[in-house]
């Protein structure tokens, strides 16, 4: 676990992304929220594909036309632009992703993968389906 930088405390998911990228030793970072327990096994590979092909510095999962902005792969080189966005008061994940030139990666073959579950009852109900 990595703590948000004091400068960006209260900055929401993008502050967490900034902390993750700051701590990242590699060239890329893949993120996903903890309340999506049914993500596909190939999530990271599919999100990384446009980056590895040089098509975009960032990719975002999309299912049935709906983006899932916290499920993303990000080139570590975007850290300066993310910091600038946060320092300018920006907090909208999708807005920053659009500015960064995000590619969308479709997961229409996995419609249940992005079902948000927040309680044990949600998980139990989803597991019965």
N, C-alpha and C. Protein backbone atom coordinates (compact mmCIF):
# COMPACT_ATOMS: atom_id res chain seq x y z
N UNK A 1 0.84 -1.16 0.00
CA UNK A 1 0.00 0.00 0.00
C UNK A 1 0.90 1.23 0.00
N UNK A 2 0.45 2.24 -0.75
CA UNK A 2 1.19 3.49 -0.87
C UNK A 2 0.27 4.62 -0.44
N UNK A 3 0.75 5.49 0.42
CA UNK A 3 -0.06 6.63 0.88
C UNK A 3 0.01 7.77 -0.13
N UNK A 4 -1.09 8.51 -0.22
CA UNK A 4 -1.11 9.70 -1.07
C UNK A 4 -0.10 10.71 -0.55
N UNK A 5 0.50 11.46 -1.45
CA UNK A 5 1.41 12.54 -1.06
C UNK A 5 0.61 13.62 -0.34
N UNK A 6 1.19 14.23 0.67
CA UNK A 6 0.50 15.27 1.44
C UNK A 6 -0.02 16.38 0.53
N UNK A 7 0.75 16.71 -0.49
CA UNK A 7 0.35 17.77 -1.42
C UNK A 7 -0.98 17.48 -2.09
N UNK A 8 -1.27 16.20 -2.31
CA UNK A 8 -2.48 15.82 -3.04
C UNK A 8 -3.53 15.14 -2.16
N UNK A 9 -3.37 15.23 -0.85
CA UNK A 9 -4.33 14.61 0.08
C UNK A 9 -5.74 15.10 -0.24
N UNK A 10 -6.68 14.18 -0.26
CA UNK A 10 -8.06 14.53 -0.59
C UNK A 10 -8.30 14.65 -2.08
N UNK A 11 -7.32 14.27 -2.87
CA UNK A 11 -7.43 14.40 -4.32
C UNK A 11 -8.12 13.26 -5.02
N UNK A 12 -8.70 12.34 -4.25
CA UNK A 12 -9.46 11.24 -4.84
C UNK A 12 -8.60 10.23 -5.57
N UNK A 13 -9.21 9.52 -6.52
CA UNK A 13 -8.49 8.45 -7.22
C UNK A 13 -7.22 8.92 -7.93
N UNK A 14 -7.22 10.14 -8.44
CA UNK A 14 -6.02 10.61 -9.13
C UNK A 14 -4.86 10.83 -8.17
N UNK A 15 -5.16 11.20 -6.92
CA UNK A 15 -4.09 11.31 -5.91
C UNK A 15 -3.50 9.94 -5.64
N UNK A 16 -4.35 8.93 -5.60
CA UNK A 16 -3.86 7.56 -5.43
C UNK A 16 -3.03 7.11 -6.61
N UNK A 17 -3.45 7.49 -7.82
CA UNK A 17 -2.68 7.16 -9.01
C UNK A 17 -1.32 7.86 -8.97
N UNK A 18 -1.30 9.11 -8.54
CA UNK A 18 -0.03 9.84 -8.42
C UNK A 18 0.90 9.13 -7.45
N UNK A 19 0.36 8.69 -6.33
CA UNK A 19 1.18 7.97 -5.35
C UNK A 19 1.70 6.66 -5.94
N UNK A 20 0.85 5.95 -6.64
CA UNK A 20 1.26 4.69 -7.25
C UNK A 20 2.34 4.89 -8.31
N UNK A 21 2.16 5.89 -9.15
CA UNK A 21 3.16 6.17 -10.18
C UNK A 21 4.47 6.64 -9.56
N UNK A 22 4.38 7.41 -8.47
CA UNK A 22 5.59 7.87 -7.79
C UNK A 22 6.39 6.71 -7.22
N UNK A 23 5.69 5.68 -6.77
CA UNK A 23 6.35 4.52 -6.16
C UNK A 23 6.71 3.44 -7.19
N UNK A 24 6.23 3.59 -8.40
CA UNK A 24 6.41 2.58 -9.44
C UNK A 24 7.86 2.55 -9.93
N UNK A 25 8.45 1.36 -9.92
CA UNK A 25 9.81 1.19 -10.43
C UNK A 25 9.84 0.84 -11.92
N UNK A 26 8.69 0.54 -12.47
CA UNK A 26 8.63 0.12 -13.87
C UNK A 26 8.20 1.24 -14.79
N UNK A 27 7.97 0.86 -16.04
CA UNK A 27 7.56 1.83 -17.06
C UNK A 27 6.05 2.04 -17.10
N UNK A 28 5.29 1.10 -16.52
CA UNK A 28 3.84 1.14 -16.58
C UNK A 28 3.25 0.74 -15.24
N UNK A 29 2.00 1.17 -15.05
CA UNK A 29 1.25 0.79 -13.86
C UNK A 29 -0.16 0.41 -14.30
N UNK A 30 -0.67 -0.69 -13.80
CA UNK A 30 -2.05 -1.10 -14.07
C UNK A 30 -2.82 -0.97 -12.77
N UNK A 31 -3.99 -0.35 -12.83
CA UNK A 31 -4.80 -0.14 -11.63
C UNK A 31 -6.20 -0.74 -11.81
N UNK A 32 -6.78 -1.12 -10.68
CA UNK A 32 -8.16 -1.61 -10.64
C UNK A 32 -8.67 -1.41 -9.22
N UNK A 33 -9.94 -1.08 -9.06
CA UNK A 33 -10.49 -0.90 -7.72
C UNK A 33 -10.73 -2.24 -7.03
N UNK A 34 -10.76 -2.21 -5.72
CA UNK A 34 -10.90 -3.44 -4.93
C UNK A 34 -12.34 -3.96 -4.89
N UNK A 35 -13.31 -3.17 -5.35
CA UNK A 35 -14.71 -3.61 -5.27
C UNK A 35 -15.21 -4.24 -6.57
N UNK A 36 -14.29 -4.71 -7.40
CA UNK A 36 -14.63 -5.43 -8.62
C UNK A 36 -13.98 -6.81 -8.57
N UNK A 37 -14.58 -7.75 -7.83
CA UNK A 37 -13.92 -9.05 -7.61
C UNK A 37 -13.93 -10.00 -8.81
N UNK A 38 -14.66 -9.67 -9.86
CA UNK A 38 -14.78 -10.59 -10.99
C UNK A 38 -14.04 -10.10 -12.23
N UNK A 39 -13.01 -9.31 -12.05
CA UNK A 39 -12.24 -8.83 -13.20
C UNK A 39 -11.65 -10.00 -13.96
N UNK A 40 -11.55 -9.89 -15.28
CA UNK A 40 -11.00 -11.00 -16.07
C UNK A 40 -9.52 -11.20 -15.79
N UNK A 41 -9.09 -12.44 -15.91
CA UNK A 41 -7.68 -12.79 -15.67
C UNK A 41 -6.73 -12.06 -16.61
N UNK A 42 -7.22 -11.71 -17.79
CA UNK A 42 -6.36 -11.05 -18.77
C UNK A 42 -6.52 -9.53 -18.78
N UNK A 43 -7.07 -8.97 -17.72
CA UNK A 43 -7.28 -7.52 -17.64
C UNK A 43 -6.00 -6.75 -17.93
N UNK A 44 -4.94 -7.05 -17.21
CA UNK A 44 -3.68 -6.30 -17.37
C UNK A 44 -3.13 -6.46 -18.78
N UNK A 45 -3.12 -7.67 -19.30
CA UNK A 45 -2.58 -7.89 -20.64
C UNK A 45 -3.35 -7.11 -21.69
N UNK A 46 -4.66 -7.11 -21.58
CA UNK A 46 -5.48 -6.40 -22.56
C UNK A 46 -5.32 -4.90 -22.43
N UNK A 47 -5.23 -4.40 -21.20
CA UNK A 47 -5.03 -2.96 -21.01
C UNK A 47 -3.64 -2.52 -21.48
N UNK A 48 -2.67 -3.39 -21.32
CA UNK A 48 -1.30 -3.05 -21.73
C UNK A 48 -1.10 -3.07 -23.24
N UNK A 49 -1.91 -3.80 -23.97
CA UNK A 49 -1.70 -3.99 -25.41
C UNK A 49 -1.55 -2.67 -26.18
N UNK A 50 -2.44 -1.69 -26.02
CA UNK A 50 -2.25 -0.44 -26.78
C UNK A 50 -0.98 0.31 -26.40
N UNK A 51 -0.57 0.21 -25.14
CA UNK A 51 0.65 0.88 -24.70
C UNK A 51 1.87 0.22 -25.34
N UNK A 52 1.88 -1.10 -25.33
CA UNK A 52 3.02 -1.83 -25.89
C UNK A 52 3.12 -1.67 -27.41
N UNK A 53 1.98 -1.43 -28.05
CA UNK A 53 1.99 -1.18 -29.50
C UNK A 53 2.31 0.28 -29.83
N UNK A 54 2.45 1.12 -28.80
CA UNK A 54 2.76 2.53 -29.01
C UNK A 54 1.58 3.36 -29.48
N UNK A 55 0.36 2.86 -29.27
CA UNK A 55 -0.84 3.56 -29.73
C UNK A 55 -1.30 4.64 -28.77
N UNK A 56 -1.00 4.50 -27.50
CA UNK A 56 -1.46 5.45 -26.49
C UNK A 56 -0.60 5.30 -25.24
N UNK A 57 -0.51 6.36 -24.43
CA UNK A 57 0.25 6.27 -23.19
C UNK A 57 -0.59 5.77 -22.01
N UNK A 58 -1.87 5.56 -22.28
CA UNK A 58 -2.83 5.23 -21.23
C UNK A 58 -3.98 4.48 -21.87
N UNK A 59 -4.50 3.47 -21.19
CA UNK A 59 -5.69 2.79 -21.69
C UNK A 59 -6.68 2.60 -20.55
N UNK A 60 -7.95 2.54 -20.93
CA UNK A 60 -9.04 2.45 -19.96
C UNK A 60 -9.98 1.33 -20.38
N UNK A 61 -10.43 0.54 -19.42
CA UNK A 61 -11.39 -0.52 -19.69
C UNK A 61 -12.75 0.08 -20.02
N UNK A 62 -13.44 -0.55 -20.97
CA UNK A 62 -14.79 -0.14 -21.34
C UNK A 62 -15.60 -1.41 -21.57
N UNK A 63 -16.85 -1.39 -21.11
CA UNK A 63 -17.74 -2.53 -21.29
C UNK A 63 -19.12 -2.01 -21.67
N UNK A 64 -19.66 -2.54 -22.75
CA UNK A 64 -20.97 -2.11 -23.25
C UNK A 64 -21.05 -0.59 -23.41
N UNK A 65 -19.96 0.00 -23.87
CA UNK A 65 -19.93 1.44 -24.12
C UNK A 65 -19.67 2.31 -22.91
N UNK A 66 -19.56 1.70 -21.74
CA UNK A 66 -19.34 2.45 -20.50
C UNK A 66 -17.89 2.32 -20.04
N UNK A 67 -17.18 3.45 -19.94
CA UNK A 67 -15.81 3.38 -19.44
C UNK A 67 -15.77 3.06 -17.95
N UNK A 68 -14.73 2.38 -17.56
CA UNK A 68 -14.46 2.08 -16.16
C UNK A 68 -13.09 2.70 -15.87
N UNK A 69 -13.09 4.01 -15.57
CA UNK A 69 -11.86 4.79 -15.58
C UNK A 69 -10.80 4.39 -14.57
N UNK A 70 -11.15 3.72 -13.50
CA UNK A 70 -10.13 3.34 -12.53
C UNK A 70 -9.44 2.04 -12.95
N UNK A 71 -10.01 1.33 -13.91
CA UNK A 71 -9.35 0.15 -14.50
C UNK A 71 -8.54 0.66 -15.68
N UNK A 72 -7.25 0.86 -15.46
CA UNK A 72 -6.43 1.47 -16.50
C UNK A 72 -5.00 0.97 -16.45
N UNK A 73 -4.32 1.16 -17.56
CA UNK A 73 -2.87 0.97 -17.65
C UNK A 73 -2.30 2.33 -18.01
N UNK A 74 -1.23 2.72 -17.32
CA UNK A 74 -0.68 4.07 -17.46
C UNK A 74 0.83 3.99 -17.65
N UNK A 75 1.32 4.74 -18.60
CA UNK A 75 2.77 4.88 -18.78
C UNK A 75 3.29 5.79 -17.68
N UNK A 76 4.36 5.38 -17.03
CA UNK A 76 4.93 6.17 -15.93
C UNK A 76 5.36 7.56 -16.38
N UNK A 77 5.60 7.74 -17.67
CA UNK A 77 5.97 9.06 -18.19
C UNK A 77 4.86 10.10 -18.03
N UNK A 78 3.64 9.66 -17.73
CA UNK A 78 2.53 10.59 -17.54
C UNK A 78 2.51 11.22 -16.15
N UNK A 79 3.40 10.82 -15.27
CA UNK A 79 3.41 11.37 -13.92
C UNK A 79 3.50 12.90 -13.91
N UNK A 80 4.37 13.54 -14.66
CA UNK A 80 4.41 15.01 -14.63
C UNK A 80 3.09 15.66 -15.07
N UNK A 81 2.44 15.11 -16.09
CA UNK A 81 1.17 15.69 -16.53
C UNK A 81 0.08 15.48 -15.49
N UNK A 82 0.11 14.34 -14.81
CA UNK A 82 -0.86 14.09 -13.75
C UNK A 82 -0.65 15.07 -12.60
N UNK A 83 0.59 15.27 -12.20
CA UNK A 83 0.87 16.24 -11.13
C UNK A 83 0.42 17.64 -11.52
N UNK A 84 0.68 18.03 -12.75
CA UNK A 84 0.26 19.36 -13.20
C UNK A 84 -1.26 19.49 -13.16
N UNK A 85 -1.95 18.44 -13.57
CA UNK A 85 -3.42 18.45 -13.55
C UNK A 85 -3.92 18.59 -12.11
N UNK A 86 -3.35 17.82 -11.20
CA UNK A 86 -3.75 17.90 -9.79
C UNK A 86 -3.43 19.27 -9.20
N UNK A 87 -2.26 19.80 -9.49
CA UNK A 87 -1.87 21.11 -8.97
C UNK A 87 -2.76 22.22 -9.51
N UNK A 88 -3.32 22.01 -10.68
CA UNK A 88 -4.24 22.97 -11.27
C UNK A 88 -5.66 22.82 -10.75
N UNK A 89 -5.87 21.92 -9.80
CA UNK A 89 -7.19 21.73 -9.21
C UNK A 89 -8.01 20.63 -9.86
N UNK A 90 -7.47 19.97 -10.86
CA UNK A 90 -8.20 18.90 -11.53
C UNK A 90 -8.38 17.69 -10.63
N UNK A 91 -9.57 17.11 -10.70
CA UNK A 91 -9.86 15.91 -9.90
C UNK A 91 -10.63 14.86 -10.69
N UNK A 92 -11.02 15.17 -11.92
CA UNK A 92 -11.86 14.27 -12.71
C UNK A 92 -10.99 13.27 -13.48
N UNK A 93 -11.15 12.01 -13.13
CA UNK A 93 -10.33 10.96 -13.73
C UNK A 93 -10.50 10.93 -15.25
N UNK A 94 -11.74 10.91 -15.71
CA UNK A 94 -11.98 10.80 -17.15
C UNK A 94 -11.47 12.02 -17.90
N UNK A 95 -11.56 13.19 -17.29
CA UNK A 95 -11.05 14.40 -17.95
C UNK A 95 -9.54 14.31 -18.14
N UNK A 96 -8.82 13.90 -17.08
CA UNK A 96 -7.37 13.77 -17.21
C UNK A 96 -7.01 12.69 -18.22
N UNK A 97 -7.74 11.58 -18.20
CA UNK A 97 -7.46 10.51 -19.15
C UNK A 97 -7.64 10.99 -20.59
N UNK A 98 -8.68 11.75 -20.85
CA UNK A 98 -8.91 12.28 -22.19
C UNK A 98 -7.78 13.21 -22.60
N UNK A 99 -7.37 14.08 -21.68
CA UNK A 99 -6.26 14.99 -21.97
C UNK A 99 -4.97 14.23 -22.26
N UNK A 100 -4.79 13.10 -21.60
CA UNK A 100 -3.57 12.30 -21.76
C UNK A 100 -3.59 11.44 -23.01
N UNK A 101 -4.73 11.38 -23.70
CA UNK A 101 -4.82 10.59 -24.93
C UNK A 101 -5.12 9.12 -24.70
N UNK A 102 -6.04 8.85 -23.80
CA UNK A 102 -6.38 7.47 -23.45
C UNK A 102 -7.00 6.70 -24.61
N UNK A 103 -6.63 5.44 -24.70
CA UNK A 103 -7.26 4.50 -25.62
C UNK A 103 -8.27 3.68 -24.81
N UNK A 104 -9.39 3.36 -25.42
CA UNK A 104 -10.38 2.52 -24.77
C UNK A 104 -10.15 1.06 -25.18
N UNK A 105 -10.25 0.17 -24.21
CA UNK A 105 -10.10 -1.26 -24.46
C UNK A 105 -11.42 -1.93 -24.10
N UNK A 106 -12.05 -2.54 -25.08
CA UNK A 106 -13.36 -3.13 -24.87
C UNK A 106 -13.29 -4.49 -24.18
N UNK A 107 -14.19 -4.65 -23.23
CA UNK A 107 -14.35 -5.90 -22.48
C UNK A 107 -15.81 -6.35 -22.58
N UNK A 108 -16.40 -6.21 -23.76
CA UNK A 108 -17.80 -6.58 -23.94
C UNK A 108 -18.03 -8.07 -23.74
N UNK A 109 -16.96 -8.86 -23.81
CA UNK A 109 -17.06 -10.30 -23.59
C UNK A 109 -17.12 -10.65 -22.10
N UNK A 110 -17.01 -9.66 -21.23
CA UNK A 110 -16.99 -9.90 -19.78
C UNK A 110 -17.92 -8.92 -19.06
N UNK A 111 -19.23 -8.94 -19.36
CA UNK A 111 -20.13 -7.93 -18.80
C UNK A 111 -20.24 -7.94 -17.28
N UNK A 112 -20.07 -9.09 -16.64
CA UNK A 112 -20.16 -9.13 -15.17
C UNK A 112 -18.87 -8.69 -14.49
N UNK A 113 -17.81 -8.57 -15.25
CA UNK A 113 -16.50 -8.26 -14.67
C UNK A 113 -16.47 -6.92 -13.95
N UNK A 114 -17.27 -5.98 -14.40
CA UNK A 114 -17.20 -4.63 -13.86
C UNK A 114 -18.38 -4.31 -12.95
N UNK A 115 -18.97 -5.34 -12.43
CA UNK A 115 -20.07 -5.17 -11.49
C UNK A 115 -19.49 -4.75 -10.14
N UNK A 116 -19.89 -3.58 -9.68
CA UNK A 116 -19.39 -2.99 -8.44
C UNK A 116 -20.09 -3.63 -7.25
N UNK A 117 -19.30 -4.20 -6.34
CA UNK A 117 -19.83 -4.85 -5.15
C UNK A 117 -19.25 -4.17 -3.92
N UNK A 118 -20.14 -3.74 -3.02
CA UNK A 118 -19.67 -2.97 -1.87
C UNK A 118 -19.94 -3.61 -0.52
N UNK A 119 -20.75 -4.66 -0.49
CA UNK A 119 -21.08 -5.29 0.78
C UNK A 119 -20.95 -6.81 0.65
N UNK A 120 -20.84 -7.51 1.77
CA UNK A 120 -20.84 -8.98 1.70
C UNK A 120 -22.11 -9.53 1.05
N UNK A 121 -23.25 -8.86 1.28
CA UNK A 121 -24.49 -9.30 0.65
C UNK A 121 -24.43 -9.15 -0.87
N UNK A 122 -23.83 -8.05 -1.35
CA UNK A 122 -23.64 -7.87 -2.79
C UNK A 122 -22.82 -9.01 -3.37
N UNK A 123 -21.75 -9.37 -2.69
CA UNK A 123 -20.87 -10.44 -3.16
C UNK A 123 -21.60 -11.78 -3.16
N UNK A 124 -22.35 -12.06 -2.10
CA UNK A 124 -23.09 -13.32 -2.03
C UNK A 124 -24.11 -13.42 -3.15
N UNK A 125 -24.84 -12.33 -3.40
CA UNK A 125 -25.85 -12.33 -4.46
C UNK A 125 -25.20 -12.52 -5.83
N UNK A 126 -24.10 -11.85 -6.07
CA UNK A 126 -23.41 -11.97 -7.36
C UNK A 126 -22.82 -13.36 -7.55
N UNK A 127 -22.38 -13.97 -6.49
CA UNK A 127 -21.78 -15.31 -6.57
C UNK A 127 -22.81 -16.37 -6.90
N UNK A 128 -24.07 -16.13 -6.56
CA UNK A 128 -25.14 -17.09 -6.84
C UNK A 128 -25.57 -17.06 -8.30
N UNK A 129 -25.21 -16.02 -9.02
CA UNK A 129 -25.66 -15.88 -10.42
C UNK A 129 -24.84 -16.70 -11.36
